[in-house]
């Protein structure tokens, strides 16, 4: 059971709130008041979601994910090239 006075916020709301902390130039208490959430909740969300994004707007985890996807695409292409080469082609070492 959930406490009657306790509100639950979805992930996207929390991420947007943290984004405001980093990008708006306002203080955490001011943003919390504007959003109608407690200061403590916003500080917790900032800790959970909030490494400040770099200039590209991506967190380190998102950058790593993008790099791994690119690497997977390259390796898959190489595998397909080798897989589909003519059978009579010899590999010389």
C-alpha atoms as a PDB file:
ATOM      1  CA  UNK A   1       0.000   0.000   0.000  1.00  0.00           C
ATOM      2  CA  UNK A   2       1.097   3.520  -0.721  1.00  0.00           C
ATOM      3  CA  UNK A   3       0.900   6.434   1.717  1.00  0.00           C
ATOM      4  CA  UNK A   4      -2.007   8.725   0.872  1.00  0.00           C
ATOM      5  CA  UNK A   5       0.068  11.912   0.947  1.00  0.00           C
ATOM      6  CA  UNK A   6       3.008  10.520  -1.007  1.00  0.00           C
ATOM      7  CA  UNK A   7       3.004  11.206  -4.758  1.00  0.00           C
ATOM      8  CA  UNK A   8       4.703   9.036  -7.322  1.00  0.00           C
ATOM      9  CA  UNK A   9       6.426  10.581 -10.323  1.00  0.00           C
ATOM     10  CA  UNK A  10       7.403   8.787 -13.507  1.00  0.00           C
ATOM     11  CA  UNK A  11      10.968   8.511 -14.759  1.00  0.00           C
ATOM     12  CA  UNK A  12      10.616  11.103 -17.508  1.00  0.00           C
ATOM     13  CA  UNK A  13       9.343  13.731 -15.050  1.00  0.00           C
ATOM     14  CA  UNK A  14      12.301  13.087 -12.755  1.00  0.00           C
ATOM     15  CA  UNK A  15      14.794  13.324 -15.636  1.00  0.00           C
ATOM     16  CA  UNK A  16      13.251  16.573 -16.865  1.00  0.00           C
ATOM     17  CA  UNK A  17      13.404  18.009 -13.344  1.00  0.00           C
ATOM     18  CA  UNK A  18      17.102  17.097 -13.083  1.00  0.00           C
ATOM     19  CA  UNK A  19      17.692  18.594 -16.513  1.00  0.00           C
ATOM     20  CA  UNK A  20      16.185  21.857 -15.258  1.00  0.00           C
ATOM     21  CA  UNK A  21      18.604  21.830 -12.320  1.00  0.00           C
ATOM     22  CA  UNK A  22      21.586  21.689 -14.667  1.00  0.00           C
ATOM     23  CA  UNK A  23      20.311  23.913 -17.470  1.00  0.00           C
ATOM     24  CA  UNK A  24      18.082  26.602 -15.951  1.00  0.00           C
ATOM     25  CA  UNK A  25      20.536  28.393 -13.692  1.00  0.00           C
ATOM     26  CA  UNK A  26      18.012  28.303 -10.841  1.00  0.00           C
ATOM     27  CA  UNK A  27      18.641  26.759  -7.460  1.00  0.00           C
ATOM     28  CA  UNK A  28      17.313  23.327  -6.526  1.00  0.00           C
ATOM     29  CA  UNK A  29      14.857  24.770  -3.943  1.00  0.00           C
ATOM     30  CA  UNK A  30      13.493  27.245  -6.525  1.00  0.00           C
ATOM     31  CA  UNK A  31      12.955  24.524  -9.125  1.00  0.00           C
ATOM     32  CA  UNK A  32      11.424  22.196  -6.540  1.00  0.00           C
ATOM     33  CA  UNK A  33       8.965  24.911  -5.535  1.00  0.00           C
ATOM     34  CA  UNK A  34       8.070  25.592  -9.197  1.00  0.00           C
ATOM     35  CA  UNK A  35       7.443  21.881  -9.805  1.00  0.00           C
ATOM     36  CA  UNK A  36       5.604  21.308  -6.538  1.00  0.00           C
ATOM     37  CA  UNK A  37       8.016  18.689  -5.221  1.00  0.00           C
ATOM     38  CA  UNK A  38      10.137  18.678  -2.079  1.00  0.00           C
ATOM     39  CA  UNK A  39      13.731  19.858  -2.123  1.00  0.00           C
ATOM     40  CA  UNK A  40      14.816  16.479  -0.771  1.00  0.00           C
ATOM     41  CA  UNK A  41      13.096  14.606  -3.600  1.00  0.00           C
ATOM     42  CA  UNK A  42      14.811  16.757  -6.216  1.00  0.00           C
ATOM     43  CA  UNK A  43      18.206  16.303  -4.546  1.00  0.00           C
ATOM     44  CA  UNK A  44      17.642  12.516  -4.541  1.00  0.00           C
ATOM     45  CA  UNK A  45      16.663  12.546  -8.222  1.00  0.00           C
ATOM     46  CA  UNK A  46      19.714  14.664  -8.999  1.00  0.00           C
ATOM     47  CA  UNK A  47      21.924  12.072  -7.309  1.00  0.00           C
ATOM     48  CA  UNK A  48      20.183   9.152  -9.052  1.00  0.00           C
ATOM     49  CA  UNK A  49      19.834  10.559 -12.572  1.00  0.00           C
ATOM     50  CA  UNK A  50      22.156  13.343 -12.555  1.00  0.00           C
ATOM     51  CA  UNK A  51      25.609  13.389 -13.825  1.00  0.00           C
ATOM     52  CA  UNK A  52      25.744  16.713 -15.587  1.00  0.00           C
ATOM     53  CA  UNK A  53      25.611  16.033 -19.321  1.00  0.00           C
ATOM     54  CA  UNK A  54      28.591  17.164 -21.329  1.00  0.00           C
ATOM     55  CA  UNK A  55      28.489  19.592 -24.238  1.00  0.00           C
ATOM     56  CA  UNK A  56      26.935  17.003 -26.566  1.00  0.00           C
ATOM     57  CA  UNK A  57      24.011  16.609 -24.162  1.00  0.00           C
ATOM     58  CA  UNK A  58      24.774  12.948 -23.615  1.00  0.00           C
ATOM     59  CA  UNK A  59      25.626  11.270 -20.344  1.00  0.00           C
ATOM     60  CA  UNK A  60      28.683   9.009 -20.244  1.00  0.00           C
ATOM     61  CA  UNK A  61      26.411   5.962 -20.268  1.00  0.00           C
ATOM     62  CA  UNK A  62      24.631   7.178 -23.409  1.00  0.00           C
ATOM     63  CA  UNK A  63      27.989   7.829 -25.089  1.00  0.00           C
ATOM     64  CA  UNK A  64      29.168   4.321 -24.218  1.00  0.00           C
ATOM     65  CA  UNK A  65      25.934   2.869 -25.584  1.00  0.00           C
ATOM     66  CA  UNK A  66      26.330   4.796 -28.844  1.00  0.00           C
ATOM     67  CA  UNK A  67      29.958   3.663 -29.208  1.00  0.00           C
ATOM     68  CA  UNK A  68      29.033   0.020 -28.607  1.00  0.00           C
ATOM     69  CA  UNK A  69      26.196   0.147 -31.148  1.00  0.00           C
ATOM     70  CA  UNK A  70      28.571   1.563 -33.766  1.00  0.00           C
ATOM     71  CA  UNK A  71      31.151  -1.131 -32.992  1.00  0.00           C
ATOM     72  CA  UNK A  72      28.503  -3.864 -33.216  1.00  0.00           C
ATOM     73  CA  UNK A  73      27.403  -2.591 -36.637  1.00  0.00           C
ATOM     74  CA  UNK A  74      30.998  -2.660 -37.918  1.00  0.00           C
ATOM     75  CA  UNK A  75      31.698  -6.156 -36.604  1.00  0.00           C
ATOM     76  CA  UNK A  76      28.408  -7.448 -38.002  1.00  0.00           C
ATOM     77  CA  UNK A  77      29.269  -6.028 -41.430  1.00  0.00           C
ATOM     78  CA  UNK A  78      32.721  -7.634 -41.342  1.00  0.00           C
ATOM     79  CA  UNK A  79      31.176 -10.962 -40.348  1.00  0.00           C
ATOM     80  CA  UNK A  80      28.648 -10.779 -43.178  1.00  0.00           C
ATOM     81  CA  UNK A  81      31.378  -9.986 -45.715  1.00  0.00           C
ATOM     82  CA  UNK A  82      33.408 -12.988 -44.608  1.00  0.00           C
ATOM     83  CA  UNK A  83      30.349 -15.201 -44.444  1.00  0.00           C
ATOM     84  CA  UNK A  84      29.236 -14.356 -47.969  1.00  0.00           C
ATOM     85  CA  UNK A  85      32.604 -14.525 -49.731  1.00  0.00           C
ATOM     86  CA  UNK A  86      32.952 -17.046 -52.575  1.00  0.00           C
ATOM     87  CA  UNK A  87      33.711 -20.535 -51.331  1.00  0.00           C
ATOM     88  CA  UNK A  88      36.658 -21.054 -53.699  1.00  0.00           C
ATOM     89  CA  UNK A  89      38.413 -17.963 -52.415  1.00  0.00           C
ATOM     90  CA  UNK A  90      41.541 -18.934 -50.490  1.00  0.00           C
ATOM     91  CA  UNK A  91      42.784 -17.113 -47.504  1.00  0.00           C
ATOM     92  CA  UNK A  92      46.545 -16.818 -47.599  1.00  0.00           C
ATOM     93  CA  UNK A  93      48.504 -15.993 -44.514  1.00  0.00           C
END
